[in-house]
Amino acid sequence: MRWRRSLAASAVGAALAAGAGVVAVVPAQAAGFVAADTGAKITGEQQVADGEVDITISSPSLGKSVKTRLLLPKGWTRDSAAKYPVLYAYHGGQDNYTSWTKNTDIEAWARKYNVLVVMPEGENGSYTDWYNYGKGGTPKWETFHTTEVRELVERNFGASSVAAAIGNSSGAQGAMSYAARHQGMFKYVAALSGTLSMRSPGMPAMLMFTNAGNGQDPYAIWGIPWADDANWKAHDPASLVDKLRGTGLFFSAGTTGRPGPGDPDVAPWDIGLLSEIAIGADNKEFQKKLDEAKVPYTAHIYGDGRHNWPAWIREATFIWPTLMQSIGANQVQ
């Protein structure tokens, strides 16, 4: 097995040495990747840049193959027995596994620490195993993220079980829901403009409308609101606050419906402004539930700010050192 891994590493190194901008593709069979318990397996690996790799995962939970982007720690080698703390970064709706690298300087943030950053595909899957009118089945995005991706990076890329999570928009809801539903999986969770109180008045309708606009059957995801309330409740962070006890929590959102620093100059009826008003009120409701349960947290309900990357970059850079500290990721030269 070791010689196969060395062969794959040599292929990457040779391609990179050939010149700047060269992309290396490593056949999965050459790398000797270990599968997840579900049978999910890595079928391809592509070097995007120095320390940046995309892997293709054939997922039984999704019934198809999707990609995940990795930022590897400085000094990472395929044959090393070293284990690295992990940050899982989840993207929002109408985006994909490249969104964090496309919209932020997450590569530079990560490079300062001995951390492995994992950015999995989430499509518009709402970070749940779909209810499908009580029948279950694919897609199972929660299983993909919390079992398949986790096991694959732990078994093949030196990821440890010490992890934190950050997410924006629907990825924020997913990160917080995962933390509650899989207690102990994350040391710390940062949720940026996420729907954290899914059952609050108006929230089911907004989520259903958003998912219908994404081309999804909104009733198939968590079920029909009220009729399938037990399933909604089982995935709602605000209904699961007791299960968040012991996990470090950060959440942030705007409330005023006015642009914040760096936001585009848009009309007051812009959907990015209007949606953030609703999400800000939703985050306040989540905060109220945490206070009632006496669960510690850090919140930044900041007023002006649109539902977009300028706000999320500010919040992410603020909380980044705390995330790194929570998982014992040390600064590197």
C-alpha atoms as a PDB file:
ATOM      1  CA  MET A   1       0.000   0.000   0.000  1.00  0.00           C
ATOM      2  CA  ARG A   2       2.792   2.418   0.873  1.00  0.00           C
ATOM      3  CA  TRP A   3       4.443   2.164  -2.553  1.00  0.00           C
ATOM      4  CA  ARG A   4       1.127   2.991  -4.203  1.00  0.00           C
ATOM      5  CA  ARG A   5       0.743   6.100  -2.097  1.00  0.00           C
ATOM      6  CA  SER A   6       4.321   7.125  -2.898  1.00  0.00           C
ATOM      7  CA  LEU A   7       3.598   6.645  -6.592  1.00  0.00           C
ATOM      8  CA  ALA A   8       0.642   9.002  -6.391  1.00  0.00           C
ATOM      9  CA  ALA A   9       2.654  11.599  -4.479  1.00  0.00           C
ATOM     10  CA  SER A  10       5.453  11.372  -7.032  1.00  0.00           C
ATOM     11  CA  ALA A  11       2.996  11.948  -9.869  1.00  0.00           C
ATOM     12  CA  VAL A  12       1.735  15.119  -8.234  1.00  0.00           C
ATOM     13  CA  GLY A  13       5.238  16.359  -7.493  1.00  0.00           C
ATOM     14  CA  ALA A  14       6.482  15.714 -11.009  1.00  0.00           C
ATOM     15  CA  ALA A  15       3.579  17.570 -12.556  1.00  0.00           C
ATOM     16  CA  LEU A  16       4.035  20.568 -10.286  1.00  0.00           C
ATOM     17  CA  ALA A  17       7.748  20.635 -10.962  1.00  0.00           C
ATOM     18  CA  ALA A  18       7.063  20.839 -14.705  1.00  0.00           C
ATOM     19  CA  GLY A  19       5.900  24.413 -14.407  1.00  0.00           C
ATOM     20  CA  ALA A  20       3.480  26.845 -12.818  1.00  0.00           C
ATOM     21  CA  GLY A  21      -0.184  26.252 -13.507  1.00  0.00           C
ATOM     22  CA  VAL A  22       0.207  22.544 -14.193  1.00  0.00           C
ATOM     23  CA  VAL A  23      -2.667  20.453 -12.870  1.00  0.00           C
ATOM     24  CA  ALA A  24      -2.007  16.851 -11.848  1.00  0.00           C
ATOM     25  CA  VAL A  25      -4.704  14.207 -11.851  1.00  0.00           C
ATOM     26  CA  VAL A  26      -3.987  11.087  -9.811  1.00  0.00           C
ATOM     27  CA  PRO A  27      -5.930   7.895 -10.560  1.00  0.00           C
ATOM     28  CA  ALA A  28      -7.641   6.716  -7.395  1.00  0.00           C
ATOM     29  CA  GLN A  29      -6.430   3.144  -7.850  1.00  0.00           C
ATOM     30  CA  ALA A  30      -2.809   4.374  -7.800  1.00  0.00           C
ATOM     31  CA  ALA A  31      -3.288   6.210  -4.546  1.00  0.00           C
ATOM     32  CA  GLY A  32      -4.678   3.221  -2.657  1.00  0.00           C
ATOM     33  CA  PHE A  33      -7.449   5.172  -0.974  1.00  0.00           C
ATOM     34  CA  VAL A  34      -9.366   3.538   1.870  1.00  0.00           C
ATOM     35  CA  ALA A  35     -13.167   3.573   1.533  1.00  0.00           C
ATOM     36  CA  ALA A  36     -15.729   4.786   4.088  1.00  0.00           C
ATOM     37  CA  ASP A  37     -17.912   2.338   6.003  1.00  0.00           C
ATOM     38  CA  THR A  38     -20.837   3.041   3.662  1.00  0.00           C
ATOM     39  CA  GLY A  39     -18.727   2.053   0.656  1.00  0.00           C
ATOM     40  CA  ALA A  40     -18.140   5.674  -0.370  1.00  0.00           C
ATOM     41  CA  LYS A  41     -14.778   5.946  -2.070  1.00  0.00           C
ATOM     42  CA  ILE A  42     -12.421   8.463  -3.561  1.00  0.00           C
ATOM     43  CA  THR A  43     -12.315   7.891  -7.309  1.00  0.00           C
ATOM     44  CA  GLY A  44     -10.085  10.793  -8.293  1.00  0.00           C
ATOM     45  CA  GLU A  45      -7.717  13.426  -6.957  1.00  0.00           C
ATOM     46  CA  GLN A  46      -6.794  16.664  -8.699  1.00  0.00           C
ATOM     47  CA  GLN A  47      -4.090  19.095  -7.603  1.00  0.00           C
ATOM     48  CA  VAL A  48      -5.585  22.596  -7.900  1.00  0.00           C
ATOM     49  CA  ALA A  49      -2.667  24.565  -6.452  1.00  0.00           C
ATOM     50  CA  ASP A  50       0.128  24.110  -3.954  1.00  0.00           C
ATOM     51  CA  GLY A  51      -1.490  22.529  -0.902  1.00  0.00           C
ATOM     52  CA  GLU A  52      -4.948  22.553  -2.527  1.00  0.00           C
ATOM     53  CA  VAL A  53      -6.585  19.360  -3.764  1.00  0.00           C
ATOM     54  CA  ASP A  54      -9.999  18.389  -5.122  1.00  0.00           C
ATOM     55  CA  ILE A  55     -11.157  14.836  -4.539  1.00  0.00           C
ATOM     56  CA  THR A  56     -14.034  13.108  -6.310  1.00  0.00           C
ATOM     57  CA  ILE A  57     -16.191  10.944  -4.052  1.00  0.00           C
ATOM     58  CA  SER A  58     -18.509   8.212  -5.276  1.00  0.00           C
ATOM     59  CA  SER A  59     -21.229   8.361  -2.623  1.00  0.00           C
ATOM     60  CA  PRO A  60     -23.882   5.696  -1.983  1.00  0.00           C
ATOM     61  CA  SER A  61     -25.645   8.225   0.256  1.00  0.00           C
ATOM     62  CA  LEU A  62     -26.105  10.604  -2.660  1.00  0.00           C
ATOM     63  CA  GLY A  63     -26.353   8.028  -5.415  1.00  0.00           C
ATOM     64  CA  LYS A  64     -23.745   9.893  -7.449  1.00  0.00           C
ATOM     65  CA  SER A  65     -20.242  11.373  -7.419  1.00  0.00           C
ATOM     66  CA  VAL A  66     -19.451  14.867  -6.138  1.00  0.00           C
ATOM     67  CA  LYS A  67     -16.305  16.775  -5.238  1.00  0.00           C
ATOM     68  CA  THR A  68     -14.725  18.051  -2.041  1.00  0.00           C
ATOM     69  CA  ARG A  69     -11.898  20.595  -1.850  1.00  0.00           C
ATOM     70  CA  LEU A  70      -9.073  20.205   0.686  1.00  0.00           C
ATOM     71  CA  LEU A  71      -6.489  22.688   1.939  1.00  0.00           C
ATOM     72  CA  LEU A  72      -3.567  20.628   3.199  1.00  0.00           C
ATOM     73  CA  PRO A  73      -1.369  21.763   6.104  1.00  0.00           C
ATOM     74  CA  LYS A  74       2.153  22.964   5.463  1.00  0.00           C
ATOM     75  CA  GLY A  75       4.498  19.961   5.385  1.00  0.00           C
ATOM     76  CA  TRP A  76       1.683  17.479   4.700  1.00  0.00           C
ATOM     77  CA  THR A  77       2.839  14.300   2.972  1.00  0.00           C
ATOM     78  CA  ARG A  78       0.808  11.316   1.927  1.00  0.00           C
ATOM     79  CA  ASP A  79       2.922   8.786   3.784  1.00  0.00           C
ATOM     80  CA  SER A  80       3.131  10.705   7.051  1.00  0.00           C
ATOM     81  CA  ALA A  81       1.525   9.252  10.165  1.00  0.00           C
ATOM     82  CA  ALA A  82       0.796  12.782  11.435  1.00  0.00           C
ATOM     83  CA  LYS A  83      -2.773  13.691  12.358  1.00  0.00           C
ATOM     84  CA  TYR A  84      -4.070  17.221  11.855  1.00  0.00           C
ATOM     85  CA  PRO A  85      -6.978  19.129  13.401  1.00  0.00           C
ATOM     86  CA  VAL A  86      -9.769  19.766  10.902  1.00  0.00           C
ATOM     87  CA  LEU A  87     -12.044  22.625   9.961  1.00  0.00           C
ATOM     88  CA  TYR A  88     -15.103  21.742   7.895  1.00  0.00           C
ATOM     89  CA  ALA A  89     -16.331  24.736   5.854  1.00  0.00           C
ATOM     90  CA  TYR A  90     -19.883  24.431   4.511  1.00  0.00           C
ATOM     91  CA  HIS A  91     -21.220  26.623   1.695  1.00  0.00           C
ATOM     92  CA  GLY A  92     -24.591  28.224   1.167  1.00  0.00           C
ATOM     93  CA  GLY A  93     -27.340  27.673  -1.369  1.00  0.00           C
ATOM     94  CA  GLN A  94     -26.790  28.227  -5.092  1.00  0.00           C
ATOM     95  CA  ASP A  95     -23.082  27.689  -4.468  1.00  0.00           C
ATOM     96  CA  ASN A  96     -20.685  24.750  -4.328  1.00  0.00           C
ATOM     97  CA  TYR A  97     -17.519  23.275  -2.833  1.00  0.00           C
ATOM     98  CA  THR A  98     -15.374  26.007  -4.438  1.00  0.00           C
ATOM     99  CA  SER A  99     -17.258  28.945  -2.888  1.00  0.00           C
ATOM    100  CA  TRP A 100     -15.025  29.467   0.146  1.00  0.00           C
ATOM    101  CA  THR A 101     -11.869  29.605  -1.972  1.00  0.00           C
ATOM    102  CA  LYS A 102     -13.593  31.648  -4.679  1.00  0.00           C
ATOM    103  CA  ASN A 103     -14.999  34.328  -2.370  1.00  0.00           C
ATOM    104  CA  THR A 104     -12.570  34.539   0.559  1.00  0.00           C
ATOM    105  CA  ASP A 105      -8.884  34.331   1.433  1.00  0.00           C
ATOM    106  CA  ILE A 106      -9.410  31.076   3.309  1.00  0.00           C
ATOM    107  CA  GLU A 107      -6.214  29.654   1.783  1.00  0.00           C
ATOM    108  CA  ALA A 108      -4.191  32.437   3.427  1.00  0.00           C
ATOM    109  CA  TRP A 109      -6.055  32.094   6.716  1.00  0.00           C
ATOM    110  CA  ALA A 110      -5.431  28.353   6.796  1.00  0.00           C
ATOM    111  CA  ARG A 111      -1.778  28.596   5.773  1.00  0.00           C
ATOM    112  CA  LYS A 112      -0.948  30.279   9.063  1.00  0.00           C
ATOM    113  CA  TYR A 113      -2.009  27.186  11.046  1.00  0.00           C
ATOM    114  CA  ASN A 114      -1.365  23.440  10.993  1.00  0.00           C
ATOM    115  CA  VAL A 115      -4.979  22.765  10.033  1.00  0.00           C
ATOM    116  CA  LEU A 116      -6.631  20.642   7.361  1.00  0.00           C
ATOM    117  CA  VAL A 117      -9.588  22.483   5.812  1.00  0.00           C
ATOM    118  CA  VAL A 118     -12.327  20.385   4.213  1.00  0.00           C
ATOM    119  CA  MET A 119     -14.890  22.043   1.927  1.00  0.00           C
ATOM    120  CA  PRO A 120     -17.445  19.452   0.762  1.00  0.00           C
ATOM    121  CA  GLU A 121     -20.081  19.802  -1.924  1.00  0.00           C
ATOM    122  CA  GLY A 122     -23.547  20.500  -0.538  1.00  0.00           C
ATOM    123  CA  GLU A 123     -25.465  21.629  -3.643  1.00  0.00           C
ATOM    124  CA  ASN A 124     -28.901  22.874  -2.531  1.00  0.00           C
ATOM    125  CA  GLY A 125     -29.373  19.827  -0.350  1.00  0.00           C
ATOM    126  CA  SER A 126     -30.239  21.688   2.876  1.00  0.00           C
ATOM    127  CA  TYR A 127     -27.721  19.657   4.936  1.00  0.00           C
ATOM    128  CA  THR A 128     -30.080  16.839   5.804  1.00  0.00           C
ATOM    129  CA  ASP A 129     -30.952  13.299   4.811  1.00  0.00           C
ATOM    130  CA  TRP A 130     -34.087  14.043   2.809  1.00  0.00           C
ATOM    131  CA  TYR A 131     -37.370  12.971   4.341  1.00  0.00           C
ATOM    132  CA  ASN A 132     -38.892  12.115   0.944  1.00  0.00           C
ATOM    133  CA  TYR A 133     -42.442  11.937   2.333  1.00  0.00           C
ATOM    134  CA  GLY A 134     -41.359   9.536   5.045  1.00  0.00           C
ATOM    135  CA  LYS A 135     -39.698   7.110   2.636  1.00  0.00           C
ATOM    136  CA  GLY A 136     -36.107   8.272   3.183  1.00  0.00           C
ATOM    137  CA  GLY A 137     -33.504   7.336   0.596  1.00  0.00           C
ATOM    138  CA  THR A 138     -31.257   9.595  -1.417  1.00  0.00           C
ATOM    139  CA  PRO A 139     -30.025  12.225  -1.203  1.00  0.00           C
ATOM    140  CA  LYS A 140     -28.571  11.798   2.272  1.00  0.00           C
ATOM    141  CA  TRP A 141     -26.473  14.937   2.593  1.00  0.00           C
ATOM    142  CA  GLU A 142     -26.072  14.679   6.362  1.00  0.00           C
ATOM    143  CA  THR A 143     -24.723  11.139   6.061  1.00  0.00           C
ATOM    144  CA  PHE A 144     -22.455  12.214   3.219  1.00  0.00           C
ATOM    145  CA  HIS A 145     -20.962  15.049   5.277  1.00  0.00           C
ATOM    146  CA  THR A 146     -20.835  13.573   8.765  1.00  0.00           C
ATOM    147  CA  THR A 147     -19.902   9.993   7.868  1.00  0.00           C
ATOM    148  CA  GLU A 148     -18.546   9.616   4.347  1.00  0.00           C
ATOM    149  CA  VAL A 149     -16.479  12.789   3.969  1.00  0.00           C
ATOM    150  CA  ARG A 150     -15.285  12.595   7.568  1.00  0.00           C
ATOM    151  CA  GLU A 151     -14.156   8.980   7.312  1.00  0.00           C
ATOM    152  CA  LEU A 152     -12.499   9.492   3.943  1.00  0.00           C
ATOM    153  CA  VAL A 153     -10.377  12.445   5.062  1.00  0.00           C
ATOM    154  CA  GLU A 154      -9.517  10.738   8.353  1.00  0.00           C
ATOM    155  CA  ARG A 155      -8.454   7.517   6.611  1.00  0.00           C
ATOM    156  CA  ASN A 156      -6.655   9.051   3.627  1.00  0.00           C
ATOM    157  CA  PHE A 157      -5.483  12.589   4.408  1.00  0.00           C
ATOM    158  CA  GLY A 158      -4.360  12.592   8.027  1.00  0.00           C
ATOM    159  CA  ALA A 159      -7.450  14.281   9.448  1.00  0.00           C
ATOM    160  CA  SER A 160      -7.888  13.766  13.168  1.00  0.00           C
ATOM    161  CA  SER A 161     -11.210  13.507  14.979  1.00  0.00           C
ATOM    162  CA  VAL A 162     -10.607  16.940  16.526  1.00  0.00           C
ATOM    163  CA  ALA A 163     -12.711  19.238  14.396  1.00  0.00           C
ATOM    164  CA  ALA A 164     -14.577  22.522  14.152  1.00  0.00           C
ATOM    165  CA  ALA A 165     -17.059  23.800  11.576  1.00  0.00           C
ATOM    166  CA  ILE A 166     -17.946  27.065   9.898  1.00  0.00           C
ATOM    167  CA  GLY A 167     -20.789  27.714   7.486  1.00  0.00           C
ATOM    168  CA  ASN A 168     -22.566  30.561   5.744  1.00  0.00           C
ATOM    169  CA  SER A 169     -26.284  30.799   4.979  1.00  0.00           C
ATOM    170  CA  SER A 170     -27.697  27.259   4.613  1.00  0.00           C
ATOM    171  CA  GLY A 171     -24.209  25.964   5.426  1.00  0.00           C
ATOM    172  CA  ALA A 172     -24.479  27.786   8.759  1.00  0.00           C
ATOM    173  CA  GLN A 173     -27.763  26.033   9.522  1.00  0.00           C
ATOM    174  CA  GLY A 174     -26.147  22.756   8.514  1.00  0.00           C
ATOM    175  CA  ALA A 175     -23.100  23.267  10.710  1.00  0.00           C
ATOM    176  CA  MET A 176     -25.208  24.089  13.772  1.00  0.00           C
ATOM    177  CA  SER A 177     -27.657  21.255  13.125  1.00  0.00           C
ATOM    178  CA  TYR A 178     -24.812  18.762  12.696  1.00  0.00           C
ATOM    179  CA  ALA A 179     -23.222  19.927  15.945  1.00  0.00           C
ATOM    180  CA  ALA A 180     -26.459  19.274  17.835  1.00  0.00           C
ATOM    181  CA  ARG A 181     -27.320  16.011  16.112  1.00  0.00           C
ATOM    182  CA  HIS A 182     -23.785  14.597  16.400  1.00  0.00           C
ATOM    183  CA  GLN A 183     -22.719  15.719  19.851  1.00  0.00           C
ATOM    184  CA  GLY A 184     -18.979  15.919  20.265  1.00  0.00           C
ATOM    185  CA  MET A 185     -18.187  15.930  16.554  1.00  0.00           C
ATOM    186  CA  PHE A 186     -17.169  19.597  16.652  1.00  0.00           C
ATOM    187  CA  LYS A 187     -15.307  21.495  19.333  1.00  0.00           C
ATOM    188  CA  TYR A 188     -16.608  24.784  17.966  1.00  0.00           C
ATOM    189  CA  VAL A 189     -19.188  25.928  15.394  1.00  0.00           C
ATOM    190  CA  ALA A 190     -19.420  29.293  13.644  1.00  0.00           C
ATOM    191  CA  ALA A 191     -22.731  30.005  11.881  1.00  0.00           C
ATOM    192  CA  LEU A 192     -22.810  33.084   9.627  1.00  0.00           C
ATOM    193  CA  SER A 193     -26.297  34.280   8.657  1.00  0.00           C
ATOM    194  CA  GLY A 194     -27.864  30.873   9.115  1.00  0.00           C
ATOM    195  CA  THR A 195     -31.476  29.879   9.751  1.00  0.00           C
ATOM    196  CA  LEU A 196     -31.007  28.659  13.311  1.00  0.00           C
ATOM    197  CA  SER A 197     -34.633  28.644  14.426  1.00  0.00           C
ATOM    198  CA  MET A 198     -36.282  26.772  11.575  1.00  0.00           C
ATOM    199  CA  ARG A 199     -39.716  26.491  13.190  1.00  0.00           C
ATOM    200  CA  SER A 200     -40.140  30.164  14.104  1.00  0.00           C
ATOM    201  CA  PRO A 201     -43.159  31.927  12.567  1.00  0.00           C
ATOM    202  CA  GLY A 202     -42.535  32.564   8.884  1.00  0.00           C
ATOM    203  CA  MET A 203     -39.333  30.531   8.703  1.00  0.00           C
ATOM    204  CA  PRO A 204     -40.828  27.309   7.258  1.00  0.00           C
ATOM    205  CA  ALA A 205     -42.495  29.360   4.523  1.00  0.00           C
ATOM    206  CA  MET A 206     -39.235  31.168   3.723  1.00  0.00           C
ATOM    207  CA  LEU A 207     -37.289  27.903   3.591  1.00  0.00           C
ATOM    208  CA  MET A 208     -39.937  26.266   1.415  1.00  0.00           C
ATOM    209  CA  PHE A 209     -39.993  29.247  -0.944  1.00  0.00           C
ATOM    210  CA  THR A 210     -36.190  29.305  -1.168  1.00  0.00           C
ATOM    211  CA  ASN A 211     -35.930  25.599  -1.880  1.00  0.00           C
ATOM    212  CA  ALA A 212     -38.690  25.732  -4.487  1.00  0.00           C
ATOM    213  CA  GLY A 213     -36.768  28.561  -6.146  1.00  0.00           C
ATOM    214  CA  ASN A 214     -33.706  26.314  -6.225  1.00  0.00           C
ATOM    215  CA  GLY A 215     -35.665  23.778  -8.249  1.00  0.00           C
ATOM    216  CA  GLN A 216     -36.227  21.389  -5.341  1.00  0.00           C
ATOM    217  CA  ASP A 217     -39.399  19.749  -4.122  1.00  0.00           C
ATOM    218  CA  PRO A 218     -39.604  21.649  -0.825  1.00  0.00           C
ATOM    219  CA  TYR A 219     -41.826  19.043   0.815  1.00  0.00           C
ATOM    220  CA  ALA A 220     -39.277  16.296   0.198  1.00  0.00           C
ATOM    221  CA  ILE A 221     -36.518  17.836   2.309  1.00  0.00           C
ATOM    222  CA  TRP A 222     -37.782  18.003   5.915  1.00  0.00           C
ATOM    223  CA  GLY A 223     -41.385  17.128   5.167  1.00  0.00           C
ATOM    224  CA  ILE A 224     -44.551  19.219   5.201  1.00  0.00           C
ATOM    225  CA  PRO A 225     -44.434  21.913   7.913  1.00  0.00           C
ATOM    226  CA  TRP A 226     -46.690  21.144  10.868  1.00  0.00           C
ATOM    227  CA  ALA A 227     -47.769  17.812   9.402  1.00  0.00           C
ATOM    228  CA  ASP A 228     -44.198  16.518   9.710  1.00  0.00           C
ATOM    229  CA  ASP A 229     -43.218  18.785  12.583  1.00  0.00           C
ATOM    230  CA  ALA A 230     -41.372  16.022  14.446  1.00  0.00           C
ATOM    231  CA  ASN A 231     -38.855  15.785  11.613  1.00  0.00           C
ATOM    232  CA  TRP A 232     -38.487  19.564  11.393  1.00  0.00           C
ATOM    233  CA  LYS A 233     -37.928  19.690  15.144  1.00  0.00           C
ATOM    234  CA  ALA A 234     -35.302  16.941  14.947  1.00  0.00           C
ATOM    235  CA  HIS A 235     -33.201  19.129  12.618  1.00  0.00           C
ATOM    236  CA  ASP A 236     -33.902  22.573  14.100  1.00  0.00           C
ATOM    237  CA  PRO A 237     -30.953  24.017  16.070  1.00  0.00           C
ATOM    238  CA  ALA A 238     -33.268  26.110  18.256  1.00  0.00           C
ATOM    239  CA  SER A 239     -35.156  22.960  19.262  1.00  0.00           C
ATOM    240  CA  LEU A 240     -31.883  21.159  20.042  1.00  0.00           C
ATOM    241  CA  VAL A 241     -30.092  23.760  22.167  1.00  0.00           C
ATOM    242  CA  ASP A 242     -29.553  21.345  25.068  1.00  0.00           C
ATOM    243  CA  LYS A 243     -27.548  19.133  22.702  1.00  0.00           C
ATOM    244  CA  LEU A 244     -25.249  22.074  21.922  1.00  0.00           C
ATOM    245  CA  ARG A 245     -24.060  22.303  25.504  1.00  0.00           C
ATOM    246  CA  GLY A 246     -20.305  21.715  25.618  1.00  0.00           C
ATOM    247  CA  THR A 247     -19.705  22.890  22.042  1.00  0.00           C
ATOM    248  CA  GLY A 248     -18.276  26.359  21.465  1.00  0.00           C
ATOM    249  CA  LEU A 249     -20.853  28.449  19.611  1.00  0.00           C
ATOM    250  CA  PHE A 250     -20.628  31.590  17.498  1.00  0.00           C
ATOM    251  CA  PHE A 251     -23.378  33.001  15.327  1.00  0.00           C
ATOM    252  CA  SER A 252     -23.890  36.295  13.554  1.00  0.00           C
ATOM    253  CA  ALA A 253     -26.419  38.070  11.360  1.00  0.00           C
ATOM    254  CA  GLY A 254     -27.627  41.487  10.266  1.00  0.00           C
ATOM    255  CA  THR A 255     -30.979  42.906  11.299  1.00  0.00           C
ATOM    256  CA  THR A 256     -31.636  46.323   9.728  1.00  0.00           C
ATOM    257  CA  GLY A 257     -32.016  45.579   6.030  1.00  0.00           C
ATOM    258  CA  ARG A 258     -29.427  48.227   5.218  1.00  0.00           C
ATOM    259  CA  PRO A 259     -26.107  47.596   3.424  1.00  0.00           C
ATOM    260  CA  GLY A 260     -23.046  47.204   5.615  1.00  0.00           C
ATOM    261  CA  PRO A 261     -19.364  47.896   4.899  1.00  0.00           C
ATOM    262  CA  GLY A 262     -18.345  46.547   1.498  1.00  0.00           C
ATOM    263  CA  ASP A 263     -21.881  45.644   0.480  1.00  0.00           C
ATOM    264  CA  PRO A 264     -23.141  46.698  -2.965  1.00  0.00           C
ATOM    265  CA  ASP A 265     -25.395  49.742  -3.248  1.00  0.00           C
ATOM    266  CA  VAL A 266     -28.728  48.062  -3.838  1.00  0.00           C
ATOM    267  CA  ALA A 267     -32.381  49.032  -3.524  1.00  0.00           C
ATOM    268  CA  PRO A 268     -34.088  48.612  -0.117  1.00  0.00           C
ATOM    269  CA  TRP A 269     -36.219  45.802  -1.574  1.00  0.00           C
ATOM    270  CA  ASP A 270     -33.145  43.804  -2.615  1.00  0.00           C
ATOM    271  CA  ILE A 271     -33.618  40.155  -1.650  1.00  0.00           C
ATOM    272  CA  GLY A 272     -30.208  40.048   0.042  1.00  0.00           C
ATOM    273  CA  LEU A 273     -31.280  42.838   2.397  1.00  0.00           C
ATOM    274  CA  LEU A 274     -34.810  41.574   3.009  1.00  0.00           C
ATOM    275  CA  SER A 275     -33.691  38.014   3.693  1.00  0.00           C
ATOM    276  CA  GLU A 276     -31.108  39.175   6.217  1.00  0.00           C
ATOM    277  CA  ILE A 277     -33.808  40.984   8.198  1.00  0.00           C
ATOM    278  CA  ALA A 278     -35.641  37.680   8.571  1.00  0.00           C
ATOM    279  CA  ILE A 279     -32.457  35.798   9.416  1.00  0.00           C
ATOM    280  CA  GLY A 280     -31.437  38.417  11.969  1.00  0.00           C
ATOM    281  CA  ALA A 281     -34.772  38.016  13.766  1.00  0.00           C
ATOM    282  CA  ASP A 282     -34.364  34.245  13.512  1.00  0.00           C
ATOM    283  CA  ASN A 283     -30.899  34.440  15.117  1.00  0.00           C
ATOM    284  CA  LYS A 284     -32.334  36.495  17.959  1.00  0.00           C
ATOM    285  CA  GLU A 285     -34.893  33.749  18.583  1.00  0.00           C
ATOM    286  CA  PHE A 286     -32.076  31.174  18.633  1.00  0.00           C
ATOM    287  CA  GLN A 287     -30.196  33.396  21.082  1.00  0.00           C
ATOM    288  CA  LYS A 288     -33.291  33.517  23.300  1.00  0.00           C
ATOM    289  CA  LYS A 289     -33.492  29.708  23.364  1.00  0.00           C
ATOM    290  CA  LEU A 290     -29.817  29.451  24.329  1.00  0.00           C
ATOM    291  CA  ASP A 291     -30.328  31.995  27.122  1.00  0.00           C
ATOM    292  CA  GLU A 292     -33.328  30.072  28.457  1.00  0.00           C
ATOM    293  CA  ALA A 293     -31.285  26.862  28.489  1.00  0.00           C
ATOM    294  CA  LYS A 294     -28.233  28.666  29.917  1.00  0.00           C
ATOM    295  CA  VAL A 295     -26.025  27.407  27.084  1.00  0.00           C
ATOM    296  CA  PRO A 296     -22.944  29.638  26.589  1.00  0.00           C
ATOM    297  CA  TYR A 297     -22.306  31.282  23.225  1.00  0.00           C
ATOM    298  CA  THR A 298     -20.794  34.278  21.459  1.00  0.00           C
ATOM    299  CA  ALA A 299     -23.125  36.236  19.190  1.00  0.00           C
ATOM    300  CA  HIS A 300     -22.611  39.183  16.866  1.00  0.00           C
ATOM    301  CA  ILE A 301     -25.979  40.560  15.810  1.00  0.00           C
ATOM    302  CA  TYR A 302     -24.470  43.460  13.932  1.00  0.00           C
ATOM    303  CA  GLY A 303     -27.294  45.498  12.431  1.00  0.00           C
ATOM    304  CA  ASP A 304     -26.339  46.727   8.963  1.00  0.00           C
ATOM    305  CA  GLY A 305     -25.307  44.024   6.539  1.00  0.00           C
ATOM    306  CA  ARG A 306     -26.560  42.231   3.450  1.00  0.00           C
ATOM    307  CA  HIS A 307     -26.846  38.445   3.022  1.00  0.00           C
ATOM    308  CA  ASN A 308     -23.565  38.215   1.123  1.00  0.00           C
ATOM    309  CA  TRP A 309     -19.833  37.542   1.276  1.00  0.00           C
ATOM    310  CA  PRO A 310     -18.541  40.949   2.469  1.00  0.00           C
ATOM    311  CA  ALA A 311     -20.376  40.407   5.762  1.00  0.00           C
ATOM    312  CA  TRP A 312     -19.363  36.750   6.003  1.00  0.00           C
ATOM    313  CA  ILE A 313     -15.704  37.549   5.355  1.00  0.00           C
ATOM    314  CA  ARG A 314     -15.710  40.048   8.239  1.00  0.00           C
ATOM    315  CA  GLU A 315     -17.312  37.528  10.573  1.00  0.00           C
ATOM    316  CA  ALA A 316     -15.095  34.650   9.458  1.00  0.00           C
ATOM    317  CA  THR A 317     -11.864  36.594   9.949  1.00  0.00           C
ATOM    318  CA  PHE A 318     -13.049  37.650  13.401  1.00  0.00           C
ATOM    319  CA  ILE A 319     -13.821  34.111  14.588  1.00  0.00           C
ATOM    320  CA  TRP A 320     -10.990  32.307  12.772  1.00  0.00           C
ATOM    321  CA  PRO A 321      -8.444  32.479  15.634  1.00  0.00           C
ATOM    322  CA  THR A 322     -11.053  31.119  18.052  1.00  0.00           C
ATOM    323  CA  LEU A 323     -11.849  28.233  15.712  1.00  0.00           C
ATOM    324  CA  MET A 324      -8.154  27.397  15.427  1.00  0.00           C
ATOM    325  CA  GLN A 325      -7.630  27.585  19.178  1.00  0.00           C
ATOM    326  CA  SER A 326     -10.620  25.320  19.827  1.00  0.00           C
ATOM    327  CA  ILE A 327      -9.046  22.459  17.857  1.00  0.00           C
ATOM    328  CA  GLY A 328      -5.462  23.066  18.934  1.00  0.00           C
ATOM    329  CA  ALA A 329      -4.291  24.238  15.492  1.00  0.00           C
ATOM    330  CA  ASN A 330      -0.941  25.911  16.096  1.00  0.00           C
ATOM    331  CA  GLN A 331       0.409  28.812  14.110  1.00  0.00           C
ATOM    332  CA  VAL A 332       3.200  27.950  11.685  1.00  0.00           C
ATOM    333  CA  GLN A 333       5.956  30.007  10.102  1.00  0.00           C
END
